[in-house]
Amino acid sequence: MGLDELKDKVSGEGVEKASDAGLDKAGDAADAKLGGKGGEQVDTAQQAADDKIGQ
């Protein structure tokens, strides 16, 4: 299996949906731990992580 084949497997739409779901779950957990405080920071961190994963 070549590098291009691996890239294709990890860059599909299914992987993007799974990473989004994981980030949403992590963000919800962080919000719950913080009692709803710092929601903007959590959202910013989620977006930054999503941007990095999506590259």
PDB file of N, CA and C in Angstrom:
ATOM      1  N   MET A   1       0.853  -1.177   0.000  1.00  0.00           N
ATOM      2  CA  MET A   1       0.000   0.000   0.000  1.00  0.00           C
ATOM      3  C   MET A   1       0.898   1.239   0.000  1.00  0.00           C
ATOM      4  N   GLY A   2       0.654   2.101  -0.936  1.00  0.00           N
ATOM      5  CA  GLY A   2       1.468   3.293  -1.070  1.00  0.00           C
ATOM      6  C   GLY A   2       0.962   4.455  -0.225  1.00  0.00           C
ATOM      7  N   LEU A   3       1.754   5.473  -0.166  1.00  0.00           N
ATOM      8  CA  LEU A   3       1.425   6.656   0.612  1.00  0.00           C
ATOM      9  C   LEU A   3       0.148   7.329   0.107  1.00  0.00           C
ATOM     10  N   ASP A   4      -0.023   7.379  -1.199  1.00  0.00           N
ATOM     11  CA  ASP A   4      -1.231   7.995  -1.757  1.00  0.00           C
ATOM     12  C   ASP A   4      -2.486   7.242  -1.343  1.00  0.00           C
ATOM     13  N   GLU A   5      -2.404   5.917  -1.295  1.00  0.00           N
ATOM     14  CA  GLU A   5      -3.552   5.114  -0.867  1.00  0.00           C
ATOM     15  C   GLU A   5      -3.891   5.384   0.599  1.00  0.00           C
ATOM     16  N   LEU A   6      -2.875   5.514   1.424  1.00  0.00           N
ATOM     17  CA  LEU A   6      -3.105   5.824   2.838  1.00  0.00           C
ATOM     18  C   LEU A   6      -3.748   7.192   2.999  1.00  0.00           C
ATOM     19  N   LYS A   7      -3.254   8.173   2.245  1.00  0.00           N
ATOM     20  CA  LYS A   7      -3.828   9.517   2.309  1.00  0.00           C
ATOM     21  C   LYS A   7      -5.298   9.500   1.933  1.00  0.00           C
ATOM     22  N   ASP A   8      -5.642   8.721   0.902  1.00  0.00           N
ATOM     23  CA  ASP A   8      -7.032   8.626   0.470  1.00  0.00           C
ATOM     24  C   ASP A   8      -7.911   8.024   1.566  1.00  0.00           C
ATOM     25  N   LYS A   9      -7.392   7.047   2.279  1.00  0.00           N
ATOM     26  CA  LYS A   9      -8.176   6.384   3.323  1.00  0.00           C
ATOM     27  C   LYS A   9      -8.429   7.295   4.520  1.00  0.00           C
ATOM     28  N   VAL A  10      -7.488   8.164   4.849  1.00  0.00           N
ATOM     29  CA  VAL A  10      -7.639   9.009   6.036  1.00  0.00           C
ATOM     30  C   VAL A  10      -8.154  10.405   5.711  1.00  0.00           C
ATOM     31  N   SER A  11      -8.477  10.659   4.468  1.00  0.00           N
ATOM     32  CA  SER A  11      -8.958  11.991   4.118  1.00  0.00           C
ATOM     33  C   SER A  11     -10.375  11.974   3.567  1.00  0.00           C
ATOM     34  N   GLY A  12     -11.090  10.907   3.783  1.00  0.00           N
ATOM     35  CA  GLY A  12     -12.442  10.800   3.259  1.00  0.00           C
ATOM     36  C   GLY A  12     -13.447  11.563   4.092  1.00  0.00           C
ATOM     37  N   GLU A  13     -14.645  11.679   3.554  1.00  0.00           N
ATOM     38  CA  GLU A  13     -15.717  12.393   4.238  1.00  0.00           C
ATOM     39  C   GLU A  13     -16.111  11.697   5.538  1.00  0.00           C
ATOM     40  N   GLY A  14     -16.055  10.378   5.563  1.00  0.00           N
ATOM     41  CA  GLY A  14     -16.382   9.622   6.772  1.00  0.00           C
ATOM     42  C   GLY A  14     -15.434   9.957   7.916  1.00  0.00           C
ATOM     43  N   VAL A  15     -14.167  10.104   7.579  1.00  0.00           N
ATOM     44  CA  VAL A  15     -13.170  10.452   8.592  1.00  0.00           C
ATOM     45  C   VAL A  15     -13.439  11.857   9.115  1.00  0.00           C
ATOM     46  N   GLU A  16     -13.808  12.766   8.237  1.00  0.00           N
ATOM     47  CA  GLU A  16     -14.113  14.145   8.642  1.00  0.00           C
ATOM     48  C   GLU A  16     -15.307  14.166   9.588  1.00  0.00           C
ATOM     49  N   LYS A  17     -16.331  13.397   9.257  1.00  0.00           N
ATOM     50  CA  LYS A  17     -17.513  13.338  10.126  1.00  0.00           C
ATOM     51  C   LYS A  17     -17.162  12.751  11.489  1.00  0.00           C
ATOM     52  N   ALA A  18     -16.326  11.715  11.495  1.00  0.00           N
ATOM     53  CA  ALA A  18     -15.922  11.086  12.753  1.00  0.00           C
ATOM     54  C   ALA A  18     -15.106  12.049  13.606  1.00  0.00           C
ATOM     55  N   SER A  19     -14.202  12.791  12.979  1.00  0.00           N
ATOM     56  CA  SER A  19     -13.390  13.735  13.750  1.00  0.00           C
ATOM     57  C   SER A  19     -14.254  14.874  14.281  1.00  0.00           C
ATOM     58  N   ASP A  20     -15.215  15.329  13.481  1.00  0.00           N
ATOM     59  CA  ASP A  20     -16.131  16.374  13.951  1.00  0.00           C
ATOM     60  C   ASP A  20     -16.942  15.888  15.142  1.00  0.00           C
ATOM     61  N   ALA A  21     -17.422  14.650  15.062  1.00  0.00           N
ATOM     62  CA  ALA A  21     -18.211  14.085  16.166  1.00  0.00           C
ATOM     63  C   ALA A  21     -17.364  13.982  17.435  1.00  0.00           C
ATOM     64  N   GLY A  22     -16.116  13.554  17.278  1.00  0.00           N
ATOM     65  CA  GLY A  22     -15.219  13.456  18.428  1.00  0.00           C
ATOM     66  C   GLY A  22     -14.918  14.805  19.045  1.00  0.00           C
ATOM     67  N   LEU A  23     -14.683  15.797  18.201  1.00  0.00           N
ATOM     68  CA  LEU A  23     -14.414  17.144  18.704  1.00  0.00           C
ATOM     69  C   LEU A  23     -15.635  17.737  19.384  1.00  0.00           C
ATOM     70  N   ASP A  24     -16.812  17.481  18.825  1.00  0.00           N
ATOM     71  CA  ASP A  24     -18.044  17.960  19.461  1.00  0.00           C
ATOM     72  C   ASP A  24     -18.239  17.327  20.829  1.00  0.00           C
ATOM     73  N   LYS A  25     -17.973  16.039  20.912  1.00  0.00           N
ATOM     74  CA  LYS A  25     -18.125  15.329  22.185  1.00  0.00           C
ATOM     75  C   LYS A  25     -17.129  15.863  23.219  1.00  0.00           C
ATOM     76  N   ALA A  26     -15.900  16.095  22.780  1.00  0.00           N
ATOM     77  CA  ALA A  26     -14.880  16.639  23.681  1.00  0.00           C
ATOM     78  C   ALA A  26     -15.252  18.055  24.125  1.00  0.00           C
ATOM     79  N   GLY A  27     -15.771  18.852  23.200  1.00  0.00           N
ATOM     80  CA  GLY A  27     -16.197  20.205  23.548  1.00  0.00           C
ATOM     81  C   GLY A  27     -17.347  20.204  24.526  1.00  0.00           C
ATOM     82  N   ASP A  28     -18.297  19.300  24.334  1.00  0.00           N
ATOM     83  CA  ASP A  28     -19.419  19.183  25.264  1.00  0.00           C
ATOM     84  C   ASP A  28     -18.940  18.773  26.655  1.00  0.00           C
ATOM     85  N   ALA A  29     -17.977  17.859  26.699  1.00  0.00           N
ATOM     86  CA  ALA A  29     -17.424  17.428  27.985  1.00  0.00           C
ATOM     87  C   ALA A  29     -16.701  18.583  28.677  1.00  0.00           C
ATOM     88  N   ALA A  30     -15.961  19.367  27.909  1.00  0.00           N
ATOM     89  CA  ALA A  30     -15.262  20.519  28.480  1.00  0.00           C
ATOM     90  C   ALA A  30     -16.263  21.547  29.001  1.00  0.00           C
ATOM     91  N   ASP A  31     -17.317  21.800  28.225  1.00  0.00           N
ATOM     92  CA  ASP A  31     -18.365  22.725  28.671  1.00  0.00           C
ATOM     93  C   ASP A  31     -18.998  22.252  29.970  1.00  0.00           C
ATOM     94  N   ALA A  32     -19.258  20.956  30.061  1.00  0.00           N
ATOM     95  CA  ALA A  32     -19.879  20.397  31.264  1.00  0.00           C
ATOM     96  C   ALA A  32     -18.957  20.560  32.471  1.00  0.00           C
ATOM     97  N   LYS A  33     -17.674  20.301  32.279  1.00  0.00           N
ATOM     98  CA  LYS A  33     -16.708  20.436  33.384  1.00  0.00           C
ATOM     99  C   LYS A  33     -16.565  21.891  33.829  1.00  0.00           C
ATOM    100  N   LEU A  34     -16.676  22.798  32.879  1.00  0.00           N
ATOM    101  CA  LEU A  34     -16.510  24.218  33.186  1.00  0.00           C
ATOM    102  C   LEU A  34     -17.812  24.865  33.639  1.00  0.00           C
ATOM    103  N   GLY A  35     -18.885  24.104  33.640  1.00  0.00           N
ATOM    104  CA  GLY A  35     -20.165  24.652  34.068  1.00  0.00           C
ATOM    105  C   GLY A  35     -20.700  25.713  33.123  1.00  0.00           C
ATOM    106  N   GLY A  36     -20.354  25.616  31.859  1.00  0.00           N
ATOM    107  CA  GLY A  36     -20.836  26.575  30.873  1.00  0.00           C
ATOM    108  C   GLY A  36     -19.992  27.833  30.771  1.00  0.00           C
ATOM    109  N   LYS A  37     -19.029  27.986  31.657  1.00  0.00           N
ATOM    110  CA  LYS A  37     -18.132  29.151  31.595  1.00  0.00           C
ATOM    111  C   LYS A  37     -17.026  28.864  30.598  1.00  0.00           C
ATOM    112  N   GLY A  38     -16.614  29.867  29.884  1.00  0.00           N
ATOM    113  CA  GLY A  38     -15.525  29.701  28.924  1.00  0.00           C
ATOM    114  C   GLY A  38     -15.962  29.040  27.633  1.00  0.00           C
ATOM    115  N   GLY A  39     -17.232  29.127  27.325  1.00  0.00           N
ATOM    116  CA  GLY A  39     -17.757  28.486  26.125  1.00  0.00           C
ATOM    117  C   GLY A  39     -17.106  28.975  24.851  1.00  0.00           C
ATOM    118  N   GLU A  40     -16.808  30.261  24.794  1.00  0.00           N
ATOM    119  CA  GLU A  40     -16.178  30.810  23.591  1.00  0.00           C
ATOM    120  C   GLU A  40     -14.784  30.222  23.383  1.00  0.00           C
ATOM    121  N   GLN A  41     -14.047  30.055  24.487  1.00  0.00           N
ATOM    122  CA  GLN A  41     -12.705  29.486  24.382  1.00  0.00           C
ATOM    123  C   GLN A  41     -12.771  28.029  23.929  1.00  0.00           C
ATOM    124  N   VAL A  42     -13.751  27.298  24.443  1.00  0.00           N
ATOM    125  CA  VAL A  42     -13.917  25.901  24.039  1.00  0.00           C
ATOM    126  C   VAL A  42     -14.247  25.830  22.552  1.00  0.00           C
ATOM    127  N   ASP A  43     -15.153  26.695  22.105  1.00  0.00           N
ATOM    128  CA  ASP A  43     -15.512  26.721  20.688  1.00  0.00           C
ATOM    129  C   ASP A  43     -14.319  27.070  19.810  1.00  0.00           C
ATOM    130  N   THR A  44     -13.515  28.029  20.257  1.00  0.00           N
ATOM    131  CA  THR A  44     -12.319  28.418  19.512  1.00  0.00           C
ATOM    132  C   THR A  44     -11.330  27.261  19.427  1.00  0.00           C
ATOM    133  N   ALA A  45     -11.152  26.555  20.535  1.00  0.00           N
ATOM    134  CA  ALA A  45     -10.244  25.407  20.552  1.00  0.00           C
ATOM    135  C   ALA A  45     -10.754  24.294  19.643  1.00  0.00           C
ATOM    136  N   GLN A  46     -12.070  24.059  19.663  1.00  0.00           N
ATOM    137  CA  GLN A  46     -12.649  23.047  18.782  1.00  0.00           C
ATOM    138  C   GLN A  46     -12.404  23.402  17.325  1.00  0.00           C
ATOM    139  N   GLN A  47     -12.605  24.653  16.976  1.00  0.00           N
ATOM    140  CA  GLN A  47     -12.427  25.073  15.589  1.00  0.00           C
ATOM    141  C   GLN A  47     -10.966  24.960  15.170  1.00  0.00           C
ATOM    142  N   ALA A  48     -10.055  25.337  16.067  1.00  0.00           N
ATOM    143  CA  ALA A  48      -8.625  25.242  15.752  1.00  0.00           C
ATOM    144  C   ALA A  48      -8.217  23.784  15.548  1.00  0.00           C
ATOM    145  N   ALA A  49      -8.715  22.899  16.391  1.00  0.00           N
ATOM    146  CA  ALA A  49      -8.404  21.474  16.245  1.00  0.00           C
ATOM    147  C   ALA A  49      -8.981  20.925  14.944  1.00  0.00           C
ATOM    148  N   ASP A  50     -10.202  21.318  14.620  1.00  0.00           N
ATOM    149  CA  ASP A  50     -10.836  20.863  13.383  1.00  0.00           C
ATOM    150  C   ASP A  50     -10.062  21.346  12.166  1.00  0.00           C
ATOM    151  N   ASP A  51      -9.594  22.580  12.221  1.00  0.00           N
ATOM    152  CA  ASP A  51      -8.800  23.118  11.111  1.00  0.00           C
ATOM    153  C   ASP A  51      -7.505  22.325  10.926  1.00  0.00           C
ATOM    154  N   LYS A  52      -6.849  21.972  12.037  1.00  0.00           N
ATOM    155  CA  LYS A  52      -5.599  21.213  11.957  1.00  0.00           C
ATOM    156  C   LYS A  52      -5.839  19.806  11.430  1.00  0.00           C
ATOM    157  N   ILE A  53      -6.896  19.166  11.920  1.00  0.00           N
ATOM    158  CA  ILE A  53      -7.193  17.801  11.492  1.00  0.00           C
ATOM    159  C   ILE A  53      -7.575  17.776  10.021  1.00  0.00           C
ATOM    160  N   GLY A  54      -8.256  18.809   9.562  1.00  0.00           N
ATOM    161  CA  GLY A  54      -8.735  18.852   8.191  1.00  0.00           C
ATOM    162  C   GLY A  54      -7.675  19.123   7.139  1.00  0.00           C
ATOM    163  N   GLN A  55      -6.454  19.392   7.553  1.00  0.00           N
ATOM    164  CA  GLN A  55      -5.402  19.714   6.587  1.00  0.00           C
ATOM    165  C   GLN A  55      -4.960  18.503   5.823  1.00  0.00           C
TER     166      GLN A  55
END
